[in-house]
Protein backbone atom coordinates (compact mmCIF):
# COMPACT_ATOMS: atom_id res chain seq x y z
CA MET A 1 67.14 120.58 108.11
CA GLU A 2 69.62 120.95 110.81
CA PHE A 3 69.36 122.98 114.02
CA PHE A 4 73.14 122.67 114.62
CA LYS A 5 76.10 120.99 112.94
CA ILE A 6 78.88 119.23 114.91
CA LYS A 7 82.14 119.87 113.19
CA ARG A 8 84.19 117.13 115.06
CA ASP A 9 82.97 113.44 115.02
CA ILE A 10 81.99 112.02 118.38
CA PRO A 11 83.72 108.66 119.02
CA PHE A 12 80.72 106.57 119.75
CA MET A 13 82.22 103.30 118.90
CA ARG A 14 84.94 103.86 121.42
CA HIS A 15 82.43 103.22 124.15
CA ALA A 16 80.49 100.61 122.30
CA LEU A 17 81.47 97.74 124.43
CA ILE A 18 80.51 99.40 127.75
CA PHE A 19 77.12 100.47 126.39
CA ASN A 20 76.37 97.04 124.88
CA VAL A 21 77.27 95.22 128.29
CA ILE A 22 74.66 97.66 129.95
CA SER A 23 72.16 96.73 127.15
CA ALA A 24 72.84 93.00 127.65
CA LEU A 25 72.30 93.32 131.42
CA THR A 26 69.07 95.22 130.78
CA PHE A 27 67.97 92.65 128.32
CA VAL A 28 68.64 89.77 130.71
CA ALA A 29 66.71 91.47 133.37
CA ALA A 30 63.72 92.12 131.16
CA ILE A 31 63.68 88.39 130.29
CA PHE A 32 64.05 87.50 133.99
CA PHE A 33 60.97 89.52 134.79
CA LEU A 34 59.02 88.07 131.82
CA VAL A 35 59.81 84.55 132.97
CA THR A 36 59.22 85.16 136.90
CA LYS A 37 56.34 87.61 136.86
CA GLY A 38 54.86 87.40 133.46
CA LEU A 39 52.67 89.87 131.56
CA HIS A 40 49.38 91.07 132.97
CA PHE A 41 47.14 90.27 129.98
CA SER A 42 44.00 92.20 129.47
CA VAL A 43 40.50 90.81 128.72
CA GLU A 44 41.17 90.53 125.14
CA PHE A 45 43.76 87.79 125.77
CA THR A 46 42.36 86.28 128.95
CA GLY A 47 38.69 86.41 128.06
CA GLY A 48 35.90 88.04 130.04
CA THR A 49 33.04 90.46 129.58
CA VAL A 50 33.02 93.60 127.47
CA MET A 51 30.14 96.07 127.99
CA GLU A 52 29.36 99.40 126.20
CA LEU A 53 27.54 102.15 128.27
CA ARG A 54 26.21 105.51 126.94
CA TYR A 55 25.59 108.40 129.53
CA PRO A 56 23.62 111.58 128.76
CA HIS A 57 26.59 113.44 130.09
CA ALA A 58 30.40 113.02 130.64
CA ALA A 59 30.83 109.79 132.58
CA ASP A 60 32.76 109.76 135.72
CA GLN A 61 35.28 106.96 135.08
CA GLU A 62 36.65 106.86 138.49
CA LYS A 63 33.40 106.45 140.08
CA ILE A 64 32.56 103.58 137.69
CA ARG A 65 35.78 101.84 138.72
CA ALA A 66 35.22 102.18 142.40
CA THR A 67 31.55 100.71 141.92
CA LEU A 68 32.94 97.84 140.08
CA ARG A 69 35.63 97.14 142.62
CA SER A 70 33.01 97.15 145.35
CA ILE A 71 31.34 94.20 143.76
CA GLY A 72 34.55 92.20 143.51
CA HIS A 73 36.18 93.16 140.36
CA GLU A 74 39.88 93.76 141.35
CA ALA A 75 41.13 95.21 138.05
CA PRO A 76 38.18 96.52 135.90
CA GLU A 77 39.22 98.33 132.74
CA VAL A 78 37.07 101.51 132.19
CA ALA A 79 37.79 103.78 129.21
CA SER A 80 35.91 106.18 126.93
CA PHE A 81 35.72 105.78 123.10
CA GLY A 82 34.56 108.19 120.63
CA THR A 83 33.14 110.71 123.16
CA ALA A 84 33.28 111.27 126.94
CA GLN A 85 29.63 109.94 127.15
CA ASP A 86 30.42 106.52 125.65
CA ILE A 87 32.20 104.20 127.98
CA ILE A 88 33.60 100.60 127.53
CA LEU A 89 34.02 98.22 130.29
CA ARG A 90 36.21 95.08 130.25
CA LEU A 91 35.83 92.92 133.27
CA PRO A 92 37.96 89.81 133.72
CA PRO A 93 36.28 86.40 133.79
CA VAL A 94 34.74 85.42 137.12
CA LYS A 95 35.00 81.64 137.90
CA THR A 96 31.76 81.41 140.01
CA ALA A 97 29.53 83.33 137.59
CA ALA A 98 28.49 83.23 133.97
CA GLY A 99 29.06 86.00 131.70
CA ALA A 100 25.37 87.18 131.58
CA THR A 101 25.37 87.30 135.31
CA VAL A 102 28.55 89.28 135.58
CA SER A 103 27.13 91.93 132.94
CA SER A 104 23.97 92.09 134.93
CA GLU A 105 25.55 92.46 138.31
CA ALA A 106 27.85 95.14 137.04
CA PHE A 107 25.06 97.22 135.30
CA ASN A 108 22.83 96.96 138.22
CA ALA A 109 25.64 98.26 140.61
CA ILE A 110 26.56 101.05 138.30
CA CYS A 111 22.83 102.02 137.93
CA ALA A 112 22.38 101.97 141.74
CA SER A 113 25.43 104.27 142.13
CA GLU A 114 23.78 106.70 139.77
CA GLY A 115 20.56 106.61 141.93
CA GLY A 116 18.46 104.88 139.50
CA ALA A 117 16.82 101.49 138.78
CA PRO A 118 17.27 99.27 135.56
CA LYS A 119 14.44 98.90 133.12
CA GLN A 120 13.89 97.55 129.56
CA VAL A 121 13.46 100.18 126.86
CA THR A 122 12.78 99.80 123.15
CA VAL A 123 14.71 102.18 120.72
CA MET A 124 14.80 102.49 117.01
CA GLU A 125 18.12 101.60 115.37
CA LYS A 126 18.68 101.46 111.45
CA GLY A 127 14.90 101.35 111.04
CA GLN A 128 14.38 98.49 113.44
CA GLN A 129 13.18 98.30 117.05
CA VAL A 130 15.90 97.04 119.42
CA ALA A 131 15.39 96.10 123.13
CA ARG A 132 17.98 97.61 125.51
CA THR A 133 18.50 97.81 129.24
CA SER A 134 18.49 101.24 130.53
CA CYS A 135 18.84 102.92 134.07
CA ALA A 136 16.45 105.61 134.93
CA ASN A 137 15.85 107.67 138.05
CA PRO A 138 12.47 107.97 139.96
CA ALA A 139 11.35 110.84 137.56
CA GLY A 140 11.86 108.58 134.56
CA ALA A 141 15.00 110.34 133.21
CA GLU A 142 17.57 107.90 131.75
CA LEU A 143 20.87 107.86 133.48
CA VAL A 144 22.71 105.15 131.71
CA THR A 145 21.99 102.84 128.66
CA LEU A 146 23.50 99.39 128.03
CA GLN A 147 24.47 99.47 124.41
CA ARG A 148 26.23 96.23 123.99
CA VAL A 149 27.50 93.09 125.86
CA ASP A 150 30.06 90.69 124.54
CA PHE A 151 31.60 87.66 126.12
CA VAL A 152 35.20 86.90 125.15
CA GLY A 153 36.10 83.27 125.84
CA PRO A 154 39.57 81.95 126.77
CA GLN A 155 39.70 80.33 123.25
CA VAL A 156 39.36 83.69 121.56
CA GLY A 157 42.05 85.06 123.85
CA ASP A 158 44.39 82.34 122.90
CA GLU A 159 43.78 82.96 119.31
CA LEU A 160 44.47 86.64 119.74
CA ALA A 161 47.64 85.98 121.35
CA THR A 162 48.76 83.47 118.71
CA ASP A 163 47.78 86.14 115.92
CA GLY A 164 49.76 88.72 117.78
CA LEU A 165 52.83 86.59 117.99
CA ASN A 166 52.55 85.69 114.25
CA ALA A 167 52.25 89.40 113.48
CA LEU A 168 55.48 90.07 115.43
CA ILE A 169 57.35 87.20 113.54
CA MET A 170 56.16 88.40 110.17
CA VAL A 171 57.33 91.80 110.85
CA ILE A 172 60.84 90.48 111.97
CA VAL A 173 61.06 88.41 108.83
CA GLY A 174 59.96 91.27 106.52
CA VAL A 175 62.60 93.61 108.21
CA VAL A 176 65.38 91.17 107.77
CA ALA A 177 64.49 90.63 104.22
CA TYR A 178 64.24 94.32 103.38
CA LEU A 179 67.51 95.22 105.02
CA ALA A 180 69.42 92.28 103.53
CA ILE A 181 68.18 93.37 100.04
CA ARG A 182 68.78 97.13 100.57
CA PHE A 183 72.01 96.86 102.46
CA GLU A 184 73.86 93.70 103.42
CA TRP A 185 73.05 90.79 105.71
CA LYS A 186 75.37 92.10 108.45
CA PHE A 187 73.23 95.12 108.82
CA ALA A 188 70.05 93.08 108.65
CA VAL A 189 71.30 90.96 111.58
CA ALA A 190 72.49 94.08 113.65
CA ALA A 191 69.22 95.81 113.09
CA ILE A 192 66.89 92.92 114.03
CA LEU A 193 68.94 92.21 117.20
CA ALA A 194 68.74 95.91 118.20
CA ASN A 195 65.06 96.06 117.53
CA LEU A 196 64.40 92.77 119.40
CA HIS A 197 66.42 94.36 122.23
CA ASP A 198 63.78 97.25 122.36
CA VAL A 199 60.87 95.01 122.21
CA VAL A 200 61.99 92.74 124.95
CA ILE A 201 62.86 95.56 127.19
CA ILE A 202 59.34 97.14 126.62
CA LEU A 203 57.81 93.84 127.68
CA GLY A 204 60.23 93.67 130.62
CA PHE A 205 58.81 96.98 131.94
CA PHE A 206 55.21 95.73 131.59
CA ALA A 207 56.17 92.54 133.46
CA PHE A 208 57.98 94.34 136.25
CA PHE A 209 55.34 96.96 136.94
CA GLN A 210 52.41 94.59 136.10
CA TRP A 211 51.03 96.99 133.59
CA GLU A 212 48.06 95.62 131.60
CA PHE A 213 49.13 94.18 128.24
CA SER A 214 46.38 94.87 125.92
CA LEU A 215 45.90 94.81 121.98
CA THR A 216 46.69 98.50 122.02
CA VAL A 217 49.94 97.78 123.71
CA LEU A 218 50.75 95.12 121.25
CA ALA A 219 50.10 97.69 118.40
CA ALA A 220 52.47 100.08 120.25
CA VAL A 221 55.12 97.30 120.31
CA LEU A 222 54.85 96.65 116.71
CA ALA A 223 54.93 100.50 115.97
CA VAL A 224 58.11 100.72 117.96
CA LEU A 225 59.63 97.89 115.97
CA GLY A 226 59.00 99.73 112.80
CA TYR A 227 60.27 103.08 114.35
CA SER A 228 63.45 101.61 115.61
CA VAL A 229 64.07 100.05 112.08
CA ASN A 230 63.59 103.46 110.40
CA GLU A 231 66.28 104.95 112.65
CA SER A 232 68.69 102.13 111.96
CA VAL A 233 68.17 102.48 108.17
CA VAL A 234 68.85 106.26 108.38
CA ILE A 235 72.18 105.52 110.15
CA PHE A 236 72.99 102.58 107.77
CA ASP A 237 72.27 104.78 104.69
CA ARG A 238 74.57 107.45 106.12
CA ILE A 239 77.31 104.79 106.61
CA ARG A 240 77.14 103.74 102.99
CA GLU A 241 77.18 107.34 101.82
CA THR A 242 80.28 108.00 103.96
CA PHE A 243 81.99 104.92 102.70
CA ARG A 244 81.57 106.30 99.15
CA LYS A 245 82.67 109.66 99.93
CA GLN A 246 85.43 109.03 102.55
CA ARG A 247 87.69 106.39 101.08
CA LYS A 248 90.60 107.02 103.61
CA MET A 249 88.57 106.62 106.78
CA THR A 250 88.55 103.47 108.81
CA VAL A 251 85.32 101.64 109.52
CA THR A 252 85.06 102.95 113.04
CA GLU A 253 85.65 106.40 111.83
CA VAL A 254 83.01 106.02 109.12
CA ILE A 255 80.44 104.86 111.74
CA ASP A 256 81.28 107.58 114.10
CA HIS A 257 80.89 110.11 111.29
CA ALA A 258 77.58 108.74 110.07
CA ILE A 259 75.97 108.83 113.60
CA THR A 260 77.49 112.30 114.34
CA SER A 261 76.14 113.70 110.99
CA THR A 262 72.56 112.39 111.92
CA ILE A 263 72.40 113.71 115.48
CA SER A 264 70.49 116.89 114.44
CA ARG A 265 67.86 114.90 112.42
CA THR A 266 67.57 112.47 115.24
CA ILE A 267 66.80 115.21 117.93
CA ILE A 268 64.33 116.73 115.58
CA THR A 269 62.51 113.62 114.78
CA HIS A 270 62.38 112.04 118.21
CA ALA A 271 61.68 115.25 120.05
CA SER A 272 58.68 116.02 117.87
CA THR A 273 57.56 112.39 118.13
CA GLN A 274 57.89 112.44 121.85
CA MET A 275 55.90 115.52 122.32
CA MET A 276 52.93 113.91 120.63
CA VAL A 277 53.31 110.73 122.72
CA LEU A 278 53.72 112.65 126.02
CA SER A 279 50.39 114.52 125.20
CA MET A 280 48.71 111.23 124.95
CA LEU A 281 50.51 110.03 128.15
CA LEU A 282 49.41 113.03 130.15
CA PHE A 283 46.00 113.97 128.64
CA GLY A 284 44.84 110.72 126.76
CA GLY A 285 43.28 109.17 129.97
CA PRO A 286 43.44 105.54 130.96
CA SER A 287 42.41 104.31 127.56
CA LEU A 288 45.81 105.56 126.03
CA HIS A 289 48.02 105.41 129.08
CA HIS A 290 49.74 102.15 128.61
CA PHE A 291 49.84 102.58 124.72
CA ALA A 292 51.65 105.93 125.20
CA MET A 293 53.87 104.32 127.96
CA ALA A 294 54.99 101.66 125.59
CA LEU A 295 55.79 104.18 122.84
CA THR A 296 57.68 106.35 125.37
CA ILE A 297 59.94 103.53 126.50
CA GLY A 298 60.36 102.27 122.82
CA ILE A 299 61.32 105.82 121.57
CA CYS A 300 63.94 106.24 124.25
CA PHE A 301 65.44 102.81 123.85
CA GLY A 302 65.10 103.03 120.03
CA ILE A 303 67.52 105.90 119.91
CA TYR A 304 69.98 104.13 122.17
CA SER A 305 69.91 100.80 120.28
CA SER A 306 70.17 102.21 116.78
CA VAL A 307 73.30 104.24 117.89
CA PHE A 308 75.07 101.86 120.29
CA VAL A 309 73.61 98.35 119.59
CA ALA A 310 72.85 98.30 115.82
CA ALA A 311 75.93 100.21 114.65
CA ALA A 312 78.17 98.32 117.11
CA ILE A 313 77.03 94.95 116.15
CA ALA A 314 77.47 95.79 112.42
CA MET A 315 81.04 96.99 113.19
CA TRP A 316 81.84 93.60 115.22
CA LEU A 317 80.22 91.50 112.43
CA GLY A 318 82.97 92.93 110.15
CA VAL A 319 81.15 95.28 107.85
CA LYS A 320 83.51 96.97 105.35
CA ARG A 321 83.31 99.13 102.16
CA GLU A 322 83.39 96.32 99.77
CA ASP A 323 80.06 94.98 101.32
CA LEU A 324 78.20 98.16 100.33
CA ILE A 325 80.00 99.39 97.33
CA LYS A 326 80.75 97.20 94.33
CA PRO A 327 84.45 97.69 93.46
CA VAL A 328 84.99 99.43 90.06
CA LYS A 329 86.52 96.93 87.46
CA GLU A 330 89.55 97.97 85.80
CA LYS A 331 89.19 98.51 81.99
CA ASP A 332 90.81 95.97 79.91
CA GLU A 333 94.09 97.18 78.58
CA THR A 334 93.00 96.42 75.09
CA ASP A 335 90.00 98.64 75.30
CA GLY A 336 90.36 101.51 72.84
CA ALA A 337 93.49 99.92 71.28
CA VAL A 338 93.78 100.42 67.42
CA VAL A 339 93.76 97.25 65.61
């Protein structure tokens, strides 16, 4: 489906050098911020305390954050999951206190802010009696219930970081293998360099603004990697198709034609995707904010890198018609001859 069709090819490759210089400078700046400022890792990576609370009504997350800051937690992570009544807290480790003390102090402070006092209650769960800490007002009505407390140690955080890095490496290897088999190694190298360009720039944004880097953000980075690969594959596939149909075009003309002919598809795809991501960014709350931010940056740079980085690198690597289309062998002169 096309909303519009451009009759004259846009000379994208004429300006490829300028745009790739800009990309290189942005890439270097991202690495600089990663090295100098580093990423602001969440509790999943650094370790800390994870608490689940249940309210009888929609919880006031800003009030909870303010309460936790008042007792010394500089960057508490408060988010809803499932419903507005279910809240998850992630508190960074405190060197001067054990995990049990941190969770107890946090719950007591939240309970006091609600005008209640903590007490032990027994509830039925899956046919068994389970003891839980609850917060009740003077009339006996429950205000907050502590559902679960987990302590994430630094060792677990290191393991998650290692697993995340391994996942990224496996994705890269898989993408290179797939593109090398489907197209040609020059396209594989071009695509993976362009996609790593997107990933590093996303990480550079998170390092510069010191946004929290959590497991959900890591999932967004991996999603962007696959998203960018898909865009590159669409352009590469159109390049191969154009090589077959237009045998008099130069390599530069073929690439310009391929990119121009996919512009309508690119606008439809990315606009619809960005609408969904923006809805998460604007209305998803704190729990989805950084996830949506990573996707937004990745989508914008994914379009840019697929057009100006991946295609340009493939051109500079010397891709040609013979790399994608096997030459037709001439028939032997004796074929069909009468003996």
